[in-house]
Amino acid sequence: MNRNDFLALLERPLRETVVTIDGSNYLLREMTEEQGTEYELSLQDKKGNVNYATARRALIAMMLIDDDGNRMVQHESELRRLPRSIAGKLFDECQRLNRYETGEVKELVKNSDGADD
């Protein structure tokens, strides 16, 4: 691969996928590298600890889009009342679309526990 081929990747559209749950369609768009870093940094509080519930909602919030490509919600807190069955399926697909290995987000959380001890 040469430099021009590599730079062309930067112009490639992000992958999108539709997740159908109980007859409703949810559109998810993969994150850019920059957005992935923003997501991972957003998981940490000032002490470096991470809340897994927040991690799940934050990933969904960053990826869930409407038909025009706009984010459906701007903050994970807007998803607090989302049924767990829907959140779980969306979260699983978000991980797959962004190539997080199964449990990798949980591992990020686990590794943060006691980081300041």
PDB file of N, CA and C in Angstrom:
ATOM      1  N   MET A   1       0.854  -1.168   0.000  1.00  0.00           N
ATOM      2  CA  MET A   1       0.000   0.000   0.000  1.00  0.00           C
ATOM      3  C   MET A   1       0.901   1.233   0.000  1.00  0.00           C
ATOM      4  N   ASN A   2       0.583   2.171  -0.841  1.00  0.00           N
ATOM      5  CA  ASN A   2       1.356   3.410  -0.854  1.00  0.00           C
ATOM      6  C   ASN A   2       0.610   4.492  -0.071  1.00  0.00           C
ATOM      7  N   ARG A   3       1.245   5.641   0.067  1.00  0.00           N
ATOM      8  CA  ARG A   3       0.681   6.739   0.858  1.00  0.00           C
ATOM      9  C   ARG A   3      -0.679   7.187   0.326  1.00  0.00           C
ATOM     10  N   ASN A   4      -0.826   7.314  -0.972  1.00  0.00           N
ATOM     11  CA  ASN A   4      -2.098   7.754  -1.550  1.00  0.00           C
ATOM     12  C   ASN A   4      -3.219   6.758  -1.263  1.00  0.00           C
ATOM     13  N   ASP A   5      -2.897   5.471  -1.338  1.00  0.00           N
ATOM     14  CA  ASP A   5      -3.893   4.455  -1.019  1.00  0.00           C
ATOM     15  C   ASP A   5      -4.320   4.565   0.444  1.00  0.00           C
ATOM     16  N   PHE A   6      -3.333   4.782   1.306  1.00  0.00           N
ATOM     17  CA  PHE A   6      -3.642   4.917   2.727  1.00  0.00           C
ATOM     18  C   PHE A   6      -4.496   6.158   2.985  1.00  0.00           C
ATOM     19  N   LEU A   7      -4.122   7.282   2.406  1.00  0.00           N
ATOM     20  CA  LEU A   7      -4.879   8.523   2.602  1.00  0.00           C
ATOM     21  C   LEU A   7      -6.304   8.397   2.062  1.00  0.00           C
ATOM     22  N   ALA A   8      -6.493   7.583   1.051  1.00  0.00           N
ATOM     23  CA  ALA A   8      -7.835   7.362   0.510  1.00  0.00           C
ATOM     24  C   ALA A   8      -8.741   6.698   1.552  1.00  0.00           C
ATOM     25  N   LEU A   9      -8.147   5.904   2.457  1.00  0.00           N
ATOM     26  CA  LEU A   9      -8.929   5.277   3.525  1.00  0.00           C
ATOM     27  C   LEU A   9      -9.580   6.317   4.423  1.00  0.00           C
ATOM     28  N   LEU A  10      -8.934   7.464   4.571  1.00  0.00           N
ATOM     29  CA  LEU A  10      -9.456   8.523   5.433  1.00  0.00           C
ATOM     30  C   LEU A  10     -10.732   9.135   4.869  1.00  0.00           C
ATOM     31  N   GLU A  11     -10.947   8.957   3.571  1.00  0.00           N
ATOM     32  CA  GLU A  11     -12.132   9.492   2.911  1.00  0.00           C
ATOM     33  C   GLU A  11     -13.244   8.455   2.778  1.00  0.00           C
ATOM     34  N   ARG A  12     -12.927   7.228   3.114  1.00  0.00           N
ATOM     35  CA  ARG A  12     -13.911   6.150   2.998  1.00  0.00           C
ATOM     36  C   ARG A  12     -15.048   6.376   3.990  1.00  0.00           C
ATOM     37  N   PRO A  13     -16.281   6.146   3.575  1.00  0.00           N
ATOM     38  CA  PRO A  13     -17.407   6.304   4.510  1.00  0.00           C
ATOM     39  C   PRO A  13     -17.314   5.304   5.666  1.00  0.00           C
ATOM     40  N   LEU A  14     -17.775   5.720   6.816  1.00  0.00           N
ATOM     41  CA  LEU A  14     -17.807   4.829   7.966  1.00  0.00           C
ATOM     42  C   LEU A  14     -18.886   3.776   7.753  1.00  0.00           C
ATOM     43  N   ARG A  15     -18.654   2.591   8.281  1.00  0.00           N
ATOM     44  CA  ARG A  15     -19.638   1.524   8.161  1.00  0.00           C
ATOM     45  C   ARG A  15     -20.859   1.830   9.021  1.00  0.00           C
ATOM     46  N   GLU A  16     -22.008   1.457   8.524  1.00  0.00           N
ATOM     47  CA  GLU A  16     -23.251   1.587   9.270  1.00  0.00           C
ATOM     48  C   GLU A  16     -23.949   0.243   9.241  1.00  0.00           C
ATOM     49  N   THR A  17     -24.741  -0.012  10.254  1.00  0.00           N
ATOM     50  CA  THR A  17     -25.506  -1.255  10.300  1.00  0.00           C
ATOM     51  C   THR A  17     -26.847  -0.974  10.960  1.00  0.00           C
ATOM     52  N   VAL A  18     -27.838  -1.726  10.547  1.00  0.00           N
ATOM     53  CA  VAL A  18     -29.166  -1.628  11.137  1.00  0.00           C
ATOM     54  C   VAL A  18     -29.366  -2.828  12.052  1.00  0.00           C
ATOM     55  N   VAL A  19     -29.805  -2.539  13.261  1.00  0.00           N
ATOM     56  CA  VAL A  19     -30.113  -3.586  14.218  1.00  0.00           C
ATOM     57  C   VAL A  19     -31.631  -3.570  14.408  1.00  0.00           C
ATOM     58  N   THR A  20     -32.262  -4.703  14.162  1.00  0.00           N
ATOM     59  CA  THR A  20     -33.710  -4.807  14.336  1.00  0.00           C
ATOM     60  C   THR A  20     -33.989  -5.531  15.640  1.00  0.00           C
ATOM     61  N   ILE A  21     -34.735  -4.852  16.504  1.00  0.00           N
ATOM     62  CA  ILE A  21     -35.084  -5.416  17.807  1.00  0.00           C
ATOM     63  C   ILE A  21     -36.585  -5.227  17.986  1.00  0.00           C
ATOM     64  N   ASP A  22     -37.280  -6.312  18.162  1.00  0.00           N
ATOM     65  CA  ASP A  22     -38.735  -6.283  18.361  1.00  0.00           C
ATOM     66  C   ASP A  22     -39.452  -5.442  17.300  1.00  0.00           C
ATOM     67  N   GLY A  23     -39.008  -5.548  16.057  1.00  0.00           N
ATOM     68  CA  GLY A  23     -39.666  -4.857  14.954  1.00  0.00           C
ATOM     69  C   GLY A  23     -39.243  -3.412  14.738  1.00  0.00           C
ATOM     70  N   SER A  24     -38.389  -2.881  15.604  1.00  0.00           N
ATOM     71  CA  SER A  24     -37.895  -1.510  15.443  1.00  0.00           C
ATOM     72  C   SER A  24     -36.463  -1.550  14.928  1.00  0.00           C
ATOM     73  N   ASN A  25     -36.141  -0.634  14.020  1.00  0.00           N
ATOM     74  CA  ASN A  25     -34.793  -0.560  13.455  1.00  0.00           C
ATOM     75  C   ASN A  25     -33.986   0.531  14.134  1.00  0.00           C
ATOM     76  N   TYR A  26     -32.753   0.198  14.477  1.00  0.00           N
ATOM     77  CA  TYR A  26     -31.816   1.126  15.090  1.00  0.00           C
ATOM     78  C   TYR A  26     -30.592   1.200  14.188  1.00  0.00           C
ATOM     79  N   LEU A  27     -30.182   2.403  13.832  1.00  0.00           N
ATOM     80  CA  LEU A  27     -29.049   2.593  12.930  1.00  0.00           C
ATOM     81  C   LEU A  27     -27.812   2.967  13.749  1.00  0.00           C
ATOM     82  N   LEU A  28     -26.735   2.214  13.551  1.00  0.00           N
ATOM     83  CA  LEU A  28     -25.474   2.454  14.243  1.00  0.00           C
ATOM     84  C   LEU A  28     -24.390   2.755  13.215  1.00  0.00           C
ATOM     85  N   ARG A  29     -23.504   3.699  13.553  1.00  0.00           N
ATOM     86  CA  ARG A  29     -22.370   4.029  12.685  1.00  0.00           C
ATOM     87  C   ARG A  29     -21.086   3.842  13.479  1.00  0.00           C
ATOM     88  N   GLU A  30     -20.118   3.176  12.845  1.00  0.00           N
ATOM     89  CA  GLU A  30     -18.843   2.952  13.526  1.00  0.00           C
ATOM     90  C   GLU A  30     -18.183   4.291  13.867  1.00  0.00           C
ATOM     91  N   MET A  31     -17.297   4.251  14.836  1.00  0.00           N
ATOM     92  CA  MET A  31     -16.582   5.456  15.254  1.00  0.00           C
ATOM     93  C   MET A  31     -15.291   5.608  14.465  1.00  0.00           C
ATOM     94  N   THR A  32     -14.839   6.841  14.359  1.00  0.00           N
ATOM     95  CA  THR A  32     -13.505   7.090  13.838  1.00  0.00           C
ATOM     96  C   THR A  32     -12.505   6.772  14.955  1.00  0.00           C
ATOM     97  N   GLU A  33     -11.245   6.727  14.628  1.00  0.00           N
ATOM     98  CA  GLU A  33     -10.218   6.516  15.643  1.00  0.00           C
ATOM     99  C   GLU A  33     -10.290   7.613  16.700  1.00  0.00           C
ATOM    100  N   GLU A  34     -10.482   8.839  16.271  1.00  0.00           N
ATOM    101  CA  GLU A  34     -10.595   9.975  17.200  1.00  0.00           C
ATOM    102  C   GLU A  34     -11.785   9.798  18.135  1.00  0.00           C
ATOM    103  N   GLN A  35     -12.933   9.396  17.598  1.00  0.00           N
ATOM    104  CA  GLN A  35     -14.115   9.193  18.426  1.00  0.00           C
ATOM    105  C   GLN A  35     -13.912   8.031  19.400  1.00  0.00           C
ATOM    106  N   GLY A  36     -13.216   6.991  18.952  1.00  0.00           N
ATOM    107  CA  GLY A  36     -12.938   5.867  19.836  1.00  0.00           C
ATOM    108  C   GLY A  36     -12.088   6.281  21.025  1.00  0.00           C
ATOM    109  N   THR A  37     -11.098   7.097  20.769  1.00  0.00           N
ATOM    110  CA  THR A  37     -10.250   7.608  21.853  1.00  0.00           C
ATOM    111  C   THR A  37     -11.068   8.497  22.781  1.00  0.00           C
ATOM    112  N   GLU A  38     -11.898   9.348  22.203  1.00  0.00           N
ATOM    113  CA  GLU A  38     -12.771  10.222  23.010  1.00  0.00           C
ATOM    114  C   GLU A  38     -13.675   9.377  23.898  1.00  0.00           C
ATOM    115  N   TYR A  39     -14.237   8.319  23.332  1.00  0.00           N
ATOM    116  CA  TYR A  39     -15.102   7.421  24.097  1.00  0.00           C
ATOM    117  C   TYR A  39     -14.327   6.796  25.257  1.00  0.00           C
ATOM    118  N   GLU A  40     -13.166   6.239  24.981  1.00  0.00           N
ATOM    119  CA  GLU A  40     -12.398   5.569  26.022  1.00  0.00           C
ATOM    120  C   GLU A  40     -11.980   6.535  27.127  1.00  0.00           C
ATOM    121  N   LEU A  41     -11.593   7.749  26.757  1.00  0.00           N
ATOM    122  CA  LEU A  41     -11.227   8.738  27.774  1.00  0.00           C
ATOM    123  C   LEU A  41     -12.435   9.210  28.571  1.00  0.00           C
ATOM    124  N   SER A  42     -13.600   9.254  27.925  1.00  0.00           N
ATOM    125  CA  SER A  42     -14.810   9.716  28.613  1.00  0.00           C
ATOM    126  C   SER A  42     -15.271   8.748  29.687  1.00  0.00           C
ATOM    127  N   LEU A  43     -14.786   7.528  29.657  1.00  0.00           N
ATOM    128  CA  LEU A  43     -15.198   6.529  30.636  1.00  0.00           C
ATOM    129  C   LEU A  43     -14.594   6.768  32.009  1.00  0.00           C
ATOM    130  N   GLN A  44     -13.508   7.508  32.054  1.00  0.00           N
ATOM    131  CA  GLN A  44     -12.793   7.686  33.310  1.00  0.00           C
ATOM    132  C   GLN A  44     -13.265   8.922  34.064  1.00  0.00           C
ATOM    133  N   ASP A  45     -13.422   8.755  35.390  1.00  0.00           N
ATOM    134  CA  ASP A  45     -13.682   9.922  36.220  1.00  0.00           C
ATOM    135  C   ASP A  45     -12.336  10.525  36.627  1.00  0.00           C
ATOM    136  N   LYS A  46     -12.361  11.515  37.480  1.00  0.00           N
ATOM    137  CA  LYS A  46     -11.121  12.207  37.852  1.00  0.00           C
ATOM    138  C   LYS A  46     -10.128  11.305  38.576  1.00  0.00           C
ATOM    139  N   LYS A  47     -10.630  10.215  39.160  1.00  0.00           N
ATOM    140  CA  LYS A  47      -9.758   9.276  39.869  1.00  0.00           C
ATOM    141  C   LYS A  47      -9.321   8.117  38.974  1.00  0.00           C
ATOM    142  N   GLY A  48      -9.776   8.119  37.721  1.00  0.00           N
ATOM    143  CA  GLY A  48      -9.400   7.058  36.797  1.00  0.00           C
ATOM    144  C   GLY A  48     -10.287   5.830  36.853  1.00  0.00           C
ATOM    145  N   ASN A  49     -11.389   5.904  37.612  1.00  0.00           N
ATOM    146  CA  ASN A  49     -12.314   4.782  37.709  1.00  0.00           C
ATOM    147  C   ASN A  49     -13.366   4.867  36.614  1.00  0.00           C
ATOM    148  N   VAL A  50     -13.905   3.717  36.240  1.00  0.00           N
ATOM    149  CA  VAL A  50     -14.888   3.636  35.174  1.00  0.00           C
ATOM    150  C   VAL A  50     -16.117   2.900  35.678  1.00  0.00           C
ATOM    151  N   ASN A  51     -17.293   3.388  35.305  1.00  0.00           N
ATOM    152  CA  ASN A  51     -18.547   2.741  35.646  1.00  0.00           C
ATOM    153  C   ASN A  51     -19.016   1.964  34.429  1.00  0.00           C
ATOM    154  N   TYR A  52     -19.215   0.652  34.558  1.00  0.00           N
ATOM    155  CA  TYR A  52     -19.582  -0.173  33.414  1.00  0.00           C
ATOM    156  C   TYR A  52     -20.913   0.239  32.802  1.00  0.00           C
ATOM    157  N   ALA A  53     -21.901   0.599  33.631  1.00  0.00           N
ATOM    158  CA  ALA A  53     -23.202   1.023  33.098  1.00  0.00           C
ATOM    159  C   ALA A  53     -23.035   2.254  32.224  1.00  0.00           C
ATOM    160  N   THR A  54     -22.218   3.169  32.660  1.00  0.00           N
ATOM    161  CA  THR A  54     -21.951   4.365  31.871  1.00  0.00           C
ATOM    162  C   THR A  54     -21.211   4.006  30.591  1.00  0.00           C
ATOM    163  N   ALA A  55     -20.311   3.057  30.664  1.00  0.00           N
ATOM    164  CA  ALA A  55     -19.540   2.637  29.492  1.00  0.00           C
ATOM    165  C   ALA A  55     -20.457   2.090  28.408  1.00  0.00           C
ATOM    166  N   ARG A  56     -21.416   1.282  28.804  1.00  0.00           N
ATOM    167  CA  ARG A  56     -22.365   0.720  27.838  1.00  0.00           C
ATOM    168  C   ARG A  56     -23.180   1.833  27.182  1.00  0.00           C
ATOM    169  N   ARG A  57     -23.761   2.684  28.003  1.00  0.00           N
ATOM    170  CA  ARG A  57     -24.613   3.758  27.470  1.00  0.00           C
ATOM    171  C   ARG A  57     -23.808   4.740  26.633  1.00  0.00           C
ATOM    172  N   ALA A  58     -22.584   5.040  27.051  1.00  0.00           N
ATOM    173  CA  ALA A  58     -21.760   6.000  26.309  1.00  0.00           C
ATOM    174  C   ALA A  58     -21.442   5.493  24.913  1.00  0.00           C
ATOM    175  N   LEU A  59     -21.149   4.203  24.787  1.00  0.00           N
ATOM    176  CA  LEU A  59     -20.843   3.650  23.469  1.00  0.00           C
ATOM    177  C   LEU A  59     -22.079   3.707  22.569  1.00  0.00           C
ATOM    178  N   ILE A  60     -23.216   3.321  23.101  1.00  0.00           N
ATOM    179  CA  ILE A  60     -24.460   3.389  22.326  1.00  0.00           C
ATOM    180  C   ILE A  60     -24.744   4.829  21.915  1.00  0.00           C
ATOM    181  N   ALA A  61     -24.602   5.770  22.841  1.00  0.00           N
ATOM    182  CA  ALA A  61     -24.891   7.176  22.562  1.00  0.00           C
ATOM    183  C   ALA A  61     -24.006   7.732  21.446  1.00  0.00           C
ATOM    184  N   MET A  62     -22.757   7.299  21.394  1.00  0.00           N
ATOM    185  CA  MET A  62     -21.847   7.800  20.364  1.00  0.00           C
ATOM    186  C   MET A  62     -22.152   7.233  18.989  1.00  0.00           C
ATOM    187  N   MET A  63     -22.818   6.099  18.936  1.00  0.00           N
ATOM    188  CA  MET A  63     -22.992   5.400  17.660  1.00  0.00           C
ATOM    189  C   MET A  63     -24.410   5.397  17.114  1.00  0.00           C
ATOM    190  N   LEU A  64     -25.407   5.611  17.948  1.00  0.00           N
ATOM    191  CA  LEU A  64     -26.800   5.551  17.522  1.00  0.00           C
ATOM    192  C   LEU A  64     -27.155   6.820  16.743  1.00  0.00           C
ATOM    193  N   ILE A  65     -27.552   6.648  15.484  1.00  0.00           N
ATOM    194  CA  ILE A  65     -27.823   7.799  14.626  1.00  0.00           C
ATOM    195  C   ILE A  65     -29.217   7.698  14.014  1.00  0.00           C
ATOM    196  N   ASP A  66     -29.709   8.848  13.529  1.00  0.00           N
ATOM    197  CA  ASP A  66     -30.987   8.860  12.823  1.00  0.00           C
ATOM    198  C   ASP A  66     -30.744   8.662  11.332  1.00  0.00           C
ATOM    199  N   ASP A  67     -31.792   8.694  10.554  1.00  0.00           N
ATOM    200  CA  ASP A  67     -31.682   8.448   9.112  1.00  0.00           C
ATOM    201  C   ASP A  67     -30.850   9.504   8.386  1.00  0.00           C
ATOM    202  N   ASP A  68     -30.694  10.687   9.009  1.00  0.00           N
ATOM    203  CA  ASP A  68     -29.883  11.749   8.404  1.00  0.00           C
ATOM    204  C   ASP A  68     -28.424  11.700   8.844  1.00  0.00           C
ATOM    205  N   GLY A  69     -28.076  10.733   9.694  1.00  0.00           N
ATOM    206  CA  GLY A  69     -26.697  10.583  10.153  1.00  0.00           C
ATOM    207  C   GLY A  69     -26.367  11.392  11.388  1.00  0.00           C
ATOM    208  N   ASN A  70     -27.370  11.970  12.037  1.00  0.00           N
ATOM    209  CA  ASN A  70     -27.157  12.751  13.259  1.00  0.00           C
ATOM    210  C   ASN A  70     -27.302  11.849  14.480  1.00  0.00           C
ATOM    211  N   ARG A  71     -26.516  12.139  15.508  1.00  0.00           N
ATOM    212  CA  ARG A  71     -26.629  11.365  16.738  1.00  0.00           C
ATOM    213  C   ARG A  71     -28.027  11.510  17.315  1.00  0.00           C
ATOM    214  N   MET A  72     -28.586  10.392  17.761  1.00  0.00           N
ATOM    215  CA  MET A  72     -29.930  10.404  18.352  1.00  0.00           C
ATOM    216  C   MET A  72     -29.923  11.056  19.733  1.00  0.00           C
ATOM    217  N   VAL A  73     -28.861  10.860  20.485  1.00  0.00           N
ATOM    218  CA  VAL A  73     -28.721  11.459  21.812  1.00  0.00           C
ATOM    219  C   VAL A  73     -27.326  12.052  21.932  1.00  0.00           C
ATOM    220  N   GLN A  74     -27.195  13.055  22.753  1.00  0.00           N
ATOM    221  CA  GLN A  74     -25.908  13.718  22.902  1.00  0.00           C
ATOM    222  C   GLN A  74     -25.142  13.265  24.141  1.00  0.00           C
ATOM    223  N   HIS A  75     -25.831  12.631  25.074  1.00  0.00           N
ATOM    224  CA  HIS A  75     -25.170  12.213  26.316  1.00  0.00           C
ATOM    225  C   HIS A  75     -25.743  10.877  26.763  1.00  0.00           C
ATOM    226  N   GLU A  76     -24.896  10.063  27.328  1.00  0.00           N
ATOM    227  CA  GLU A  76     -25.310   8.734  27.754  1.00  0.00           C
ATOM    228  C   GLU A  76     -26.444   8.760  28.757  1.00  0.00           C
ATOM    229  N   SER A  77     -26.558   9.820  29.543  1.00  0.00           N
ATOM    230  CA  SER A  77     -27.600   9.877  30.565  1.00  0.00           C
ATOM    231  C   SER A  77     -29.002   9.844  29.954  1.00  0.00           C
ATOM    232  N   GLU A  78     -29.117  10.225  28.694  1.00  0.00           N
ATOM    233  CA  GLU A  78     -30.412  10.186  28.021  1.00  0.00           C
ATOM    234  C   GLU A  78     -30.888   8.756  27.784  1.00  0.00           C
ATOM    235  N   LEU A  79     -30.007   7.794  27.946  1.00  0.00           N
ATOM    236  CA  LEU A  79     -30.350   6.392  27.705  1.00  0.00           C
ATOM    237  C   LEU A  79     -30.631   5.613  28.985  1.00  0.00           C
ATOM    238  N   ARG A  80     -30.686   6.285  30.114  1.00  0.00           N
ATOM    239  CA  ARG A  80     -30.859   5.599  31.400  1.00  0.00           C
ATOM    240  C   ARG A  80     -32.124   4.759  31.458  1.00  0.00           C
ATOM    241  N   ARG A  81     -33.172   5.174  30.779  1.00  0.00           N
ATOM    242  CA  ARG A  81     -34.444   4.454  30.845  1.00  0.00           C
ATOM    243  C   ARG A  81     -34.637   3.503  29.660  1.00  0.00           C
ATOM    244  N   LEU A  82     -33.626   3.349  28.836  1.00  0.00           N
ATOM    245  CA  LEU A  82     -33.693   2.415  27.718  1.00  0.00           C
ATOM    246  C   LEU A  82     -33.810   0.996  28.274  1.00  0.00           C
ATOM    247  N   PRO A  83     -34.766   0.218  27.794  1.00  0.00           N
ATOM    248  CA  PRO A  83     -34.886  -1.153  28.303  1.00  0.00           C
ATOM    249  C   PRO A  83     -33.572  -1.919  28.169  1.00  0.00           C
ATOM    250  N   ARG A  84     -33.256  -2.654  29.196  1.00  0.00           N
ATOM    251  CA  ARG A  84     -32.001  -3.403  29.254  1.00  0.00           C
ATOM    252  C   ARG A  84     -31.862  -4.379  28.082  1.00  0.00           C
ATOM    253  N   SER A  85     -32.976  -4.967  27.666  1.00  0.00           N
ATOM    254  CA  SER A  85     -32.922  -5.923  26.559  1.00  0.00           C
ATOM    255  C   SER A  85     -32.477  -5.236  25.265  1.00  0.00           C
ATOM    256  N   ILE A  86     -32.924  -4.029  25.047  1.00  0.00           N
ATOM    257  CA  ILE A  86     -32.537  -3.273  23.851  1.00  0.00           C
ATOM    258  C   ILE A  86     -31.103  -2.783  23.998  1.00  0.00           C
ATOM    259  N   ALA A  87     -30.781  -2.229  25.170  1.00  0.00           N
ATOM    260  CA  ALA A  87     -29.420  -1.720  25.399  1.00  0.00           C
ATOM    261  C   ALA A  87     -28.387  -2.820  25.204  1.00  0.00           C
ATOM    262  N   GLY A  88     -28.670  -4.007  25.701  1.00  0.00           N
ATOM    263  CA  GLY A  88     -27.723  -5.110  25.577  1.00  0.00           C
ATOM    264  C   GLY A  88     -27.455  -5.484  24.127  1.00  0.00           C
ATOM    265  N   LYS A  89     -28.504  -5.559  23.334  1.00  0.00           N
ATOM    266  CA  LYS A  89     -28.346  -5.911  21.922  1.00  0.00           C
ATOM    267  C   LYS A  89     -27.613  -4.814  21.157  1.00  0.00           C
ATOM    268  N   LEU A  90     -27.952  -3.552  21.447  1.00  0.00           N
ATOM    269  CA  LEU A  90     -27.259  -2.443  20.783  1.00  0.00           C
ATOM    270  C   LEU A  90     -25.786  -2.409  21.181  1.00  0.00           C
ATOM    271  N   PHE A  91     -25.520  -2.605  22.457  1.00  0.00           N
ATOM    272  CA  PHE A  91     -24.138  -2.599  22.941  1.00  0.00           C
ATOM    273  C   PHE A  91     -23.311  -3.700  22.280  1.00  0.00           C
ATOM    274  N   ASP A  92     -23.884  -4.880  22.183  1.00  0.00           N
ATOM    275  CA  ASP A  92     -23.172  -5.988  21.533  1.00  0.00           C
ATOM    276  C   ASP A  92     -22.817  -5.629  20.093  1.00  0.00           C
ATOM    277  N   GLU A  93     -23.751  -5.030  19.381  1.00  0.00           N
ATOM    278  CA  GLU A  93     -23.499  -4.669  17.987  1.00  0.00           C
ATOM    279  C   GLU A  93     -22.502  -3.515  17.897  1.00  0.00           C
ATOM    280  N   CYS A  94     -22.561  -2.578  18.824  1.00  0.00           N
ATOM    281  CA  CYS A  94     -21.584  -1.475  18.855  1.00  0.00           C
ATOM    282  C   CYS A  94     -20.171  -2.023  19.022  1.00  0.00           C
ATOM    283  N   GLN A  95     -20.016  -2.982  19.928  1.00  0.00           N
ATOM    284  CA  GLN A  95     -18.695  -3.595  20.133  1.00  0.00           C
ATOM    285  C   GLN A  95     -18.219  -4.275  18.862  1.00  0.00           C
ATOM    286  N   ARG A  96     -19.099  -5.039  18.219  1.00  0.00           N
ATOM    287  CA  ARG A  96     -18.728  -5.762  17.012  1.00  0.00           C
ATOM    288  C   ARG A  96     -18.342  -4.798  15.891  1.00  0.00           C
ATOM    289  N   LEU A  97     -19.121  -3.747  15.706  1.00  0.00           N
ATOM    290  CA  LEU A  97     -18.884  -2.805  14.621  1.00  0.00           C
ATOM    291  C   LEU A  97     -17.557  -2.068  14.783  1.00  0.00           C
ATOM    292  N   ASN A  98     -17.142  -1.834  16.021  1.00  0.00           N
ATOM    293  CA  ASN A  98     -15.897  -1.116  16.290  1.00  0.00           C
ATOM    294  C   ASN A  98     -14.744  -2.036  16.626  1.00  0.00           C
ATOM    295  N   ARG A  99     -14.966  -3.331  16.445  1.00  0.00           N
ATOM    296  CA  ARG A  99     -13.927  -4.340  16.625  1.00  0.00           C
ATOM    297  C   ARG A  99     -13.401  -4.418  18.057  1.00  0.00           C
ATOM    298  N   TYR A 100     -14.256  -4.035  19.010  1.00  0.00           N
ATOM    299  CA  TYR A 100     -13.919  -4.327  20.400  1.00  0.00           C
ATOM    300  C   TYR A 100     -14.172  -5.810  20.577  1.00  0.00           C
ATOM    301  N   GLU A 101     -13.227  -6.503  21.147  1.00  0.00           N
ATOM    302  CA  GLU A 101     -13.418  -7.919  21.410  1.00  0.00           C
ATOM    303  C   GLU A 101     -14.480  -8.063  22.496  1.00  0.00           C
ATOM    304  N   THR A 102     -15.181  -9.171  22.492  1.00  0.00           N
ATOM    305  CA  THR A 102     -16.183  -9.421  23.515  1.00  0.00           C
ATOM    306  C   THR A 102     -15.550  -9.265  24.891  1.00  0.00           C
ATOM    307  N   GLY A 103     -16.152  -8.446  25.706  1.00  0.00           N
ATOM    308  CA  GLY A 103     -15.643  -8.228  27.054  1.00  0.00           C
ATOM    309  C   GLY A 103     -14.547  -7.185  27.162  1.00  0.00           C
ATOM    310  N   GLU A 104     -14.095  -6.621  26.050  1.00  0.00           N
ATOM    311  CA  GLU A 104     -12.998  -5.655  26.111  1.00  0.00           C
ATOM    312  C   GLU A 104     -13.386  -4.406  26.899  1.00  0.00           C
ATOM    313  N   VAL A 105     -14.624  -3.941  26.731  1.00  0.00           N
ATOM    314  CA  VAL A 105     -15.069  -2.770  27.486  1.00  0.00           C
ATOM    315  C   VAL A 105     -15.113  -3.115  28.968  1.00  0.00           C
ATOM    316  N   LYS A 106     -15.591  -4.324  29.293  1.00  0.00           N
ATOM    317  CA  LYS A 106     -15.576  -4.753  30.699  1.00  0.00           C
ATOM    318  C   LYS A 106     -14.156  -4.776  31.233  1.00  0.00           C
ATOM    319  N   GLU A 107     -13.216  -5.205  30.403  1.00  0.00           N
ATOM    320  CA  GLU A 107     -11.813  -5.265  30.812  1.00  0.00           C
ATOM    321  C   GLU A 107     -11.271  -3.867  31.084  1.00  0.00           C
ATOM    322  N   LEU A 108     -11.665  -2.888  30.260  1.00  0.00           N
ATOM    323  CA  LEU A 108     -11.256  -1.502  30.511  1.00  0.00           C
ATOM    324  C   LEU A 108     -11.721  -1.062  31.891  1.00  0.00           C
ATOM    325  N   VAL A 109     -12.957  -1.421  32.205  1.00  0.00           N
ATOM    326  CA  VAL A 109     -13.528  -1.063  33.504  1.00  0.00           C
ATOM    327  C   VAL A 109     -12.781  -1.771  34.617  1.00  0.00           C
ATOM    328  N   LYS A 110     -12.570  -3.077  34.468  1.00  0.00           N
ATOM    329  CA  LYS A 110     -11.889  -3.859  35.500  1.00  0.00           C
ATOM    330  C   LYS A 110     -10.486  -3.332  35.748  1.00  0.00           C
ATOM    331  N   ASN A 111      -9.779  -2.992  34.685  1.00  0.00           N
ATOM    332  CA  ASN A 111      -8.406  -2.496  34.829  1.00  0.00           C
ATOM    333  C   ASN A 111      -8.359  -1.152  35.506  1.00  0.00           C
ATOM    334  N   SER A 112      -9.457  -0.396  35.480  1.00  0.00           N
ATOM    335  CA  SER A 112      -9.464   0.913  36.118  1.00  0.00           C
ATOM    336  C   SER A 112      -9.705   0.812  37.618  1.00  0.00           C
ATOM    337  N   ASP A 113     -10.297  -0.300  38.068  1.00  0.00           N
ATOM    338  CA  ASP A 113     -10.591  -0.460  39.488  1.00  0.00           C
ATOM    339  C   ASP A 113      -9.305  -0.429  40.306  1.00  0.00           C
ATOM    340  N   GLY A 114      -9.282   0.487  41.241  1.00  0.00           N
ATOM    341  CA  GLY A 114      -8.118   0.596  42.110  1.00  0.00           C
ATOM    342  C   GLY A 114      -6.899   1.190  41.429  1.00  0.00           C
ATOM    343  N   ALA A 115      -7.094   1.917  40.348  1.00  0.00           N
ATOM    344  CA  ALA A 115      -5.970   2.473  39.602  1.00  0.00           C
ATOM    345  C   ALA A 115      -5.160   3.453  40.431  1.00  0.00           C
ATOM    346  N   ASP A 116      -5.794   4.113  41.402  1.00  0.00           N
ATOM    347  CA  ASP A 116      -5.085   5.099  42.208  1.00  0.00           C
ATOM    348  C   ASP A 116      -4.608   4.531  43.543  1.00  0.00           C
ATOM    349  N   ASP A 117      -4.813   3.217  43.773  1.00  0.00           N
ATOM    350  CA  ASP A 117      -4.393   2.625  45.053  1.00  0.00           C
ATOM    351  C   ASP A 117      -2.903   2.486  45.134  1.00  0.00           C
TER     352      ASP A 117
END
